[in-house]
Amino acid sequence: TLMEYFGDRSTFAYLLTWLRERWPAVPNLRASRYDELYAFGYWSFCRFLGYFALPALVVVLMPGERLAAYGLSVRGFLKHLWIYGVLFAIVLPAVIAVSFTHDFSTYYPFYRSASRSWHDLLLWEAVYGLQFLSLEFFFRGFLLSALKPSMGAYSIFAMVVPYCMIHFGKPFLECLAAIVAGTVLGTLALKTR
């Protein structure tokens, strides 16, 4: 809820406007060609706080718990690399196909100036990657691991509901795909840890 109402780019724009009105002489607050990227940086940082930092803090504060038990480990990654390759090979053609549809081409890319320069592209990818890894930790690590002792494999379906819901407002096919992807990735996360 906090991410939805205070962690969005519109909140950043409001805060930036407020700061610019109060301190117009501060050089770093002047309008910049990177304002949109800064707004995405704020959005990503808020996702990092909500999906990673706070849940990780909860885990660290629980006696006897370790972040590695919540999926934050690279152990076994190479052993399971073939699974990721197969899933990528299945998903890539579908992603390419839907990228030509009206719904997707009007929604993506988020940061349309990423093609302006290598600087824009690399910073955007870092910003987007941070929020993506944070989101994956929350849904496939923290949520699944916390629910597994009481719900077993059904924790996957409990995780898929809010995971699908964060896709509301995106193209319909992506929202449906989130159900399938959440189920497959949740199963994979439980099996491979």
Protein backbone atom coordinates (compact mmCIF):
# COMPACT_ATOMS: atom_id res chain seq x y z
CA THR A 1 0.00 0.00 0.00
CA LEU A 2 2.83 2.40 0.85
CA MET A 3 4.57 1.57 -2.43
CA GLU A 4 1.35 2.08 -4.37
CA TYR A 5 0.46 5.44 -2.83
CA PHE A 6 3.86 6.95 -1.98
CA GLY A 7 6.44 4.98 -3.97
CA ASP A 8 5.38 5.90 -7.45
CA ARG A 9 6.88 8.32 -9.94
CA SER A 10 4.00 10.74 -9.41
CA THR A 11 5.01 11.09 -5.75
CA PHE A 12 8.58 11.79 -6.84
CA ALA A 13 7.35 14.44 -9.29
CA TYR A 14 5.28 16.07 -6.54
CA LEU A 15 8.24 16.06 -4.12
CA LEU A 16 10.62 17.41 -6.77
CA THR A 17 8.20 20.22 -7.68
CA TRP A 18 7.76 21.05 -4.00
CA LEU A 19 11.54 21.20 -3.47
CA ARG A 20 12.10 23.28 -6.63
CA GLU A 21 9.49 25.83 -5.54
CA ARG A 22 11.08 26.24 -2.12
CA TRP A 23 14.75 26.27 -3.19
CA PRO A 24 14.90 27.49 -6.81
CA ALA A 25 18.57 28.47 -6.52
CA VAL A 26 19.83 24.95 -5.70
CA PRO A 27 21.55 23.77 -8.90
CA ASN A 28 20.86 20.06 -8.37
CA LEU A 29 17.12 20.71 -8.15
CA ARG A 30 16.86 22.39 -11.55
CA ALA A 31 15.04 20.60 -14.34
CA SER A 32 17.19 17.99 -16.01
CA ARG A 33 17.00 15.75 -19.03
CA TYR A 34 17.23 12.91 -16.50
CA ASP A 35 14.15 13.85 -14.44
CA GLU A 36 12.23 10.86 -15.79
CA LEU A 37 15.12 8.52 -14.98
CA TYR A 38 15.38 10.02 -11.47
CA ALA A 39 11.66 9.35 -11.03
CA PHE A 40 12.20 5.72 -12.05
CA GLY A 41 15.13 5.59 -9.62
CA TYR A 42 12.80 6.71 -6.83
CA TRP A 43 10.23 4.11 -7.90
CA SER A 44 12.89 1.39 -7.95
CA PHE A 45 14.29 2.42 -4.57
CA CYS A 46 10.81 2.29 -3.02
CA ARG A 47 10.35 -1.22 -4.49
CA PHE A 48 13.74 -2.17 -3.04
CA LEU A 49 12.67 -0.96 0.42
CA GLY A 50 9.27 -2.67 0.30
CA TYR A 51 10.14 -5.90 -1.46
CA PHE A 52 13.67 -6.48 -0.19
CA ALA A 53 14.98 -4.32 2.66
CA LEU A 54 12.00 -4.59 5.03
CA PRO A 55 11.36 -8.33 4.47
CA ALA A 56 15.11 -9.04 4.77
CA LEU A 57 15.18 -7.09 8.03
CA VAL A 58 12.30 -9.20 9.33
CA VAL A 59 14.23 -12.38 8.47
CA VAL A 60 17.45 -11.14 10.06
CA LEU A 61 15.62 -10.18 13.25
CA MET A 62 13.98 -13.60 13.60
CA PRO A 63 16.07 -15.90 15.82
CA GLY A 64 17.73 -18.74 13.90
CA GLU A 65 16.67 -17.50 10.46
CA ARG A 66 19.08 -16.82 7.59
CA LEU A 67 18.52 -14.98 4.32
CA ALA A 68 19.90 -17.97 2.41
CA ALA A 69 16.89 -20.00 3.61
CA TYR A 70 14.68 -17.41 1.90
CA GLY A 71 16.18 -17.91 -1.53
CA LEU A 72 18.97 -15.36 -1.25
CA SER A 73 21.75 -17.69 -2.29
CA VAL A 74 23.55 -18.64 -5.49
CA ARG A 75 24.20 -22.16 -4.24
CA GLY A 76 23.02 -24.66 -6.84
CA PHE A 77 22.57 -21.98 -9.52
CA LEU A 78 24.86 -23.64 -12.05
CA LYS A 79 23.30 -27.04 -11.36
CA HIS A 80 19.89 -25.65 -12.29
CA LEU A 81 21.07 -23.39 -15.10
CA TRP A 82 19.63 -25.73 -17.74
CA ILE A 83 16.14 -25.25 -16.27
CA TYR A 84 16.46 -21.48 -16.59
CA GLY A 85 17.68 -21.92 -20.17
CA VAL A 86 14.69 -24.08 -21.10
CA LEU A 87 12.24 -21.64 -19.50
CA PHE A 88 13.92 -18.72 -21.25
CA ALA A 89 13.70 -20.55 -24.60
CA ILE A 90 9.97 -21.08 -24.03
CA VAL A 91 9.23 -17.52 -22.93
CA LEU A 92 11.40 -15.58 -25.41
CA PRO A 93 9.29 -16.29 -28.55
CA ALA A 94 6.11 -15.40 -26.65
CA VAL A 95 7.62 -12.14 -25.43
CA ILE A 96 8.76 -11.26 -28.94
CA ALA A 97 5.33 -12.08 -30.37
CA VAL A 98 3.36 -9.98 -27.88
CA SER A 99 5.84 -7.09 -28.15
CA PHE A 100 4.27 -6.31 -31.53
CA THR A 101 0.74 -6.01 -30.12
CA HIS A 102 -0.81 -2.61 -29.50
CA ASP A 103 -1.24 -3.18 -25.74
CA PHE A 104 2.43 -3.95 -25.22
CA SER A 105 3.89 -1.41 -27.63
CA THR A 106 1.97 1.41 -25.95
CA TYR A 107 2.87 0.24 -22.42
CA TYR A 108 6.54 -0.65 -22.96
CA PRO A 109 9.27 0.41 -22.73
CA PHE A 110 8.78 2.16 -19.40
CA TYR A 111 11.72 4.49 -19.89
CA ARG A 112 11.46 5.57 -23.49
CA SER A 113 14.71 7.55 -23.36
CA ALA A 114 16.79 4.44 -22.69
CA SER A 115 17.83 4.46 -26.35
CA ARG A 116 19.11 8.04 -26.09
CA SER A 117 22.59 6.97 -24.91
CA TRP A 118 24.54 4.11 -23.37
CA HIS A 119 24.44 6.07 -20.12
CA ASP A 120 20.64 6.14 -20.16
CA LEU A 121 20.39 2.47 -21.10
CA LEU A 122 22.83 1.20 -18.46
CA LEU A 123 21.37 3.35 -15.68
CA TRP A 124 17.84 2.29 -16.63
CA GLU A 125 18.81 -1.39 -16.65
CA ALA A 126 20.42 -1.00 -13.20
CA VAL A 127 17.32 0.78 -11.85
CA TYR A 128 14.95 -1.79 -13.35
CA GLY A 129 17.16 -4.71 -12.32
CA LEU A 130 17.16 -3.57 -8.68
CA GLN A 131 13.38 -3.49 -8.46
CA PHE A 132 13.09 -6.78 -10.36
CA LEU A 133 15.49 -8.64 -8.05
CA SER A 134 13.74 -7.12 -5.02
CA LEU A 135 10.35 -8.26 -6.32
CA GLU A 136 11.65 -11.78 -6.99
CA PHE A 137 13.13 -12.00 -3.49
CA PHE A 138 9.82 -11.01 -1.96
CA PHE A 139 7.52 -13.31 -3.93
CA ARG A 140 9.75 -16.32 -4.65
CA GLY A 141 11.88 -16.09 -1.51
CA PHE A 142 10.35 -14.33 1.48
CA LEU A 143 6.67 -15.05 0.87
CA LEU A 144 7.08 -18.67 -0.25
CA SER A 145 9.51 -19.56 2.52
CA ALA A 146 7.37 -17.92 5.18
CA LEU A 147 4.20 -19.70 4.01
CA LYS A 148 5.71 -23.12 3.24
CA PRO A 149 5.79 -24.50 6.83
CA SER A 150 2.03 -24.02 7.25
CA MET A 151 0.80 -24.34 3.66
CA GLY A 152 3.33 -26.58 1.89
CA ALA A 153 3.02 -26.47 -1.90
CA TYR A 154 -0.21 -24.46 -1.58
CA SER A 155 2.01 -21.51 -0.62
CA ILE A 156 2.66 -21.17 -4.35
CA PHE A 157 -0.98 -20.32 -5.01
CA ALA A 158 -1.11 -17.95 -2.03
CA MET A 159 1.92 -16.15 -3.50
CA VAL A 160 0.49 -16.05 -7.04
CA VAL A 161 -2.58 -14.03 -6.03
CA PRO A 162 -0.75 -10.86 -4.93
CA TYR A 163 1.87 -11.43 -7.64
CA CYS A 164 -0.87 -11.34 -10.27
CA MET A 165 -2.43 -8.31 -8.58
CA ILE A 166 0.72 -6.21 -8.95
CA HIS A 167 0.31 -6.74 -12.69
CA PHE A 168 -3.16 -5.14 -12.71
CA GLY A 169 -3.07 -2.13 -14.99
CA LYS A 170 -0.54 -3.78 -17.30
CA PRO A 171 -1.59 -5.46 -20.55
CA PHE A 172 -4.15 -8.24 -20.05
CA LEU A 173 -1.92 -10.97 -21.51
CA GLU A 174 0.88 -10.01 -19.12
CA CYS A 175 -1.48 -10.24 -16.16
CA LEU A 176 -2.57 -13.73 -17.26
CA ALA A 177 1.06 -14.71 -17.88
CA ALA A 178 1.90 -13.60 -14.33
CA ILE A 179 -0.34 -16.39 -13.03
CA VAL A 180 1.46 -19.00 -15.12
CA ALA A 181 4.92 -17.54 -14.47
CA GLY A 182 4.25 -17.14 -10.76
CA THR A 183 3.16 -20.77 -10.51
CA VAL A 184 6.12 -22.09 -12.53
CA LEU A 185 8.69 -19.89 -10.79
CA GLY A 186 7.16 -20.60 -7.38
CA THR A 187 7.37 -24.34 -8.02
CA LEU A 188 10.95 -23.94 -9.20
CA ALA A 189 11.81 -21.86 -6.12
CA LEU A 190 10.37 -24.45 -3.74
CA LYS A 191 12.10 -27.33 -5.50
CA THR A 192 15.53 -25.75 -5.99
CA ARG A 193 15.52 -23.35 -3.05
